[in-house]
């Protein structure tokens, strides 16, 4: 038994659920541009003070540098997200 199509009823295409607009997401904050040499100098200074706090013991240079890098980047980003008074 074959099924006959009813010419009076047209099938409606199924739609996927709508995605939320990307504009509704929080805006991406771009940190202010800092000269790479200036950023490296800030990191080196912060790493120096970290090493000084632990008595300049050897073997922690990379950890000091990476922690200083994260600290400097966080401060630069935080400065970019602070409201400016004007």
C-alpha atoms as a PDB file:
ATOM      1  CA  UNK A   1       0.000   0.000   0.000  1.00  0.00           C
ATOM      2  CA  UNK A   2       1.515   3.220  -1.057  1.00  0.00           C
ATOM      3  CA  UNK A   3       0.780   6.416   0.691  1.00  0.00           C
ATOM      4  CA  UNK A   4      -0.660   9.239  -1.363  1.00  0.00           C
ATOM      5  CA  UNK A   5       0.456  12.813  -0.848  1.00  0.00           C
ATOM      6  CA  UNK A   6      -2.154  15.345  -0.041  1.00  0.00           C
ATOM      7  CA  UNK A   7      -1.663  18.295  -2.447  1.00  0.00           C
ATOM      8  CA  UNK A   8      -3.568  20.659  -0.163  1.00  0.00           C
ATOM      9  CA  UNK A   9      -1.168  20.431   2.767  1.00  0.00           C
ATOM     10  CA  UNK A  10       2.363  21.602   2.206  1.00  0.00           C
ATOM     11  CA  UNK A  11       4.933  20.533   4.728  1.00  0.00           C
ATOM     12  CA  UNK A  12       6.595  23.372   6.646  1.00  0.00           C
ATOM     13  CA  UNK A  13      10.355  23.149   6.952  1.00  0.00           C
ATOM     14  CA  UNK A  14      11.693  22.654  10.437  1.00  0.00           C
ATOM     15  CA  UNK A  15      13.869  25.411  11.812  1.00  0.00           C
ATOM     16  CA  UNK A  16      16.749  25.156  14.183  1.00  0.00           C
ATOM     17  CA  UNK A  17      16.448  27.148  17.404  1.00  0.00           C
ATOM     18  CA  UNK A  18      17.814  30.671  17.156  1.00  0.00           C
ATOM     19  CA  UNK A  19      21.201  31.354  18.578  1.00  0.00           C
ATOM     20  CA  UNK A  20      21.700  34.230  20.931  1.00  0.00           C
ATOM     21  CA  UNK A  21      23.214  37.265  19.302  1.00  0.00           C
ATOM     22  CA  UNK A  22      26.942  37.703  19.801  1.00  0.00           C
ATOM     23  CA  UNK A  23      26.323  41.373  20.563  1.00  0.00           C
ATOM     24  CA  UNK A  24      24.621  40.355  23.808  1.00  0.00           C
ATOM     25  CA  UNK A  25      27.922  38.998  25.132  1.00  0.00           C
ATOM     26  CA  UNK A  26      30.172  41.194  27.237  1.00  0.00           C
ATOM     27  CA  UNK A  27      32.371  43.483  25.157  1.00  0.00           C
ATOM     28  CA  UNK A  28      35.967  42.406  24.735  1.00  0.00           C
ATOM     29  CA  UNK A  29      38.317  44.821  26.464  1.00  0.00           C
ATOM     30  CA  UNK A  30      41.505  45.478  24.559  1.00  0.00           C
ATOM     31  CA  UNK A  31      44.441  46.347  26.799  1.00  0.00           C
ATOM     32  CA  UNK A  32      46.206  49.571  25.921  1.00  0.00           C
ATOM     33  CA  UNK A  33      49.166  49.183  23.616  1.00  0.00           C
ATOM     34  CA  UNK A  34      52.429  48.973  25.517  1.00  0.00           C
ATOM     35  CA  UNK A  35      55.732  48.962  23.718  1.00  0.00           C
ATOM     36  CA  UNK A  36      57.163  45.413  23.915  1.00  0.00           C
ATOM     37  CA  UNK A  37      60.475  46.754  25.255  1.00  0.00           C
ATOM     38  CA  UNK A  38      58.661  48.711  27.955  1.00  0.00           C
ATOM     39  CA  UNK A  39      56.608  45.612  28.880  1.00  0.00           C
ATOM     40  CA  UNK A  40      59.799  43.506  29.081  1.00  0.00           C
ATOM     41  CA  UNK A  41      61.405  46.128  31.327  1.00  0.00           C
ATOM     42  CA  UNK A  42      58.373  46.088  33.645  1.00  0.00           C
ATOM     43  CA  UNK A  43      58.500  42.285  33.795  1.00  0.00           C
ATOM     44  CA  UNK A  44      62.262  42.256  34.454  1.00  0.00           C
ATOM     45  CA  UNK A  45      61.842  44.730  37.294  1.00  0.00           C
ATOM     46  CA  UNK A  46      59.001  42.740  38.865  1.00  0.00           C
ATOM     47  CA  UNK A  47      61.006  39.503  38.499  1.00  0.00           C
ATOM     48  CA  UNK A  48      64.014  41.160  40.151  1.00  0.00           C
ATOM     49  CA  UNK A  49      61.938  42.189  43.160  1.00  0.00           C
ATOM     50  CA  UNK A  50      60.460  38.679  43.407  1.00  0.00           C
ATOM     51  CA  UNK A  51      63.988  37.212  43.417  1.00  0.00           C
ATOM     52  CA  UNK A  52      65.098  39.767  45.986  1.00  0.00           C
ATOM     53  CA  UNK A  53      62.197  38.835  48.306  1.00  0.00           C
ATOM     54  CA  UNK A  54      63.331  35.201  48.326  1.00  0.00           C
ATOM     55  CA  UNK A  55      67.020  36.083  48.798  1.00  0.00           C
ATOM     56  CA  UNK A  56      68.171  35.565  45.180  1.00  0.00           C
ATOM     57  CA  UNK A  57      68.257  31.785  45.643  1.00  0.00           C
ATOM     58  CA  UNK A  58      69.152  30.004  42.387  1.00  0.00           C
ATOM     59  CA  UNK A  59      66.772  27.768  40.472  1.00  0.00           C
ATOM     60  CA  UNK A  60      63.656  29.924  40.524  1.00  0.00           C
ATOM     61  CA  UNK A  61      64.426  32.345  37.710  1.00  0.00           C
ATOM     62  CA  UNK A  62      61.792  30.997  35.313  1.00  0.00           C
ATOM     63  CA  UNK A  63      59.110  30.923  38.010  1.00  0.00           C
ATOM     64  CA  UNK A  64      59.968  34.507  38.976  1.00  0.00           C
ATOM     65  CA  UNK A  65      59.776  35.641  35.352  1.00  0.00           C
ATOM     66  CA  UNK A  66      56.469  33.893  34.638  1.00  0.00           C
ATOM     67  CA  UNK A  67      54.869  35.185  37.827  1.00  0.00           C
ATOM     68  CA  UNK A  68      56.104  38.697  37.081  1.00  0.00           C
ATOM     69  CA  UNK A  69      54.803  38.442  33.519  1.00  0.00           C
ATOM     70  CA  UNK A  70      51.337  37.428  34.757  1.00  0.00           C
ATOM     71  CA  UNK A  71      51.400  40.223  37.339  1.00  0.00           C
ATOM     72  CA  UNK A  72      52.384  42.916  34.820  1.00  0.00           C
ATOM     73  CA  UNK A  73      49.838  41.728  32.250  1.00  0.00           C
ATOM     74  CA  UNK A  74      47.086  41.694  34.894  1.00  0.00           C
ATOM     75  CA  UNK A  75      47.979  45.238  35.958  1.00  0.00           C
ATOM     76  CA  UNK A  76      47.977  46.431  32.355  1.00  0.00           C
ATOM     77  CA  UNK A  77      44.607  44.799  31.720  1.00  0.00           C
ATOM     78  CA  UNK A  78      43.174  46.136  34.959  1.00  0.00           C
ATOM     79  CA  UNK A  79      44.274  49.625  33.951  1.00  0.00           C
ATOM     80  CA  UNK A  80      42.426  49.160  30.656  1.00  0.00           C
ATOM     81  CA  UNK A  81      39.162  48.235  32.403  1.00  0.00           C
ATOM     82  CA  UNK A  82      39.165  51.036  34.955  1.00  0.00           C
ATOM     83  CA  UNK A  83      36.715  53.802  34.171  1.00  0.00           C
ATOM     84  CA  UNK A  84      38.417  57.012  33.174  1.00  0.00           C
ATOM     85  CA  UNK A  85      37.239  60.152  34.913  1.00  0.00           C
ATOM     86  CA  UNK A  86      36.959  63.135  32.695  1.00  0.00           C
END
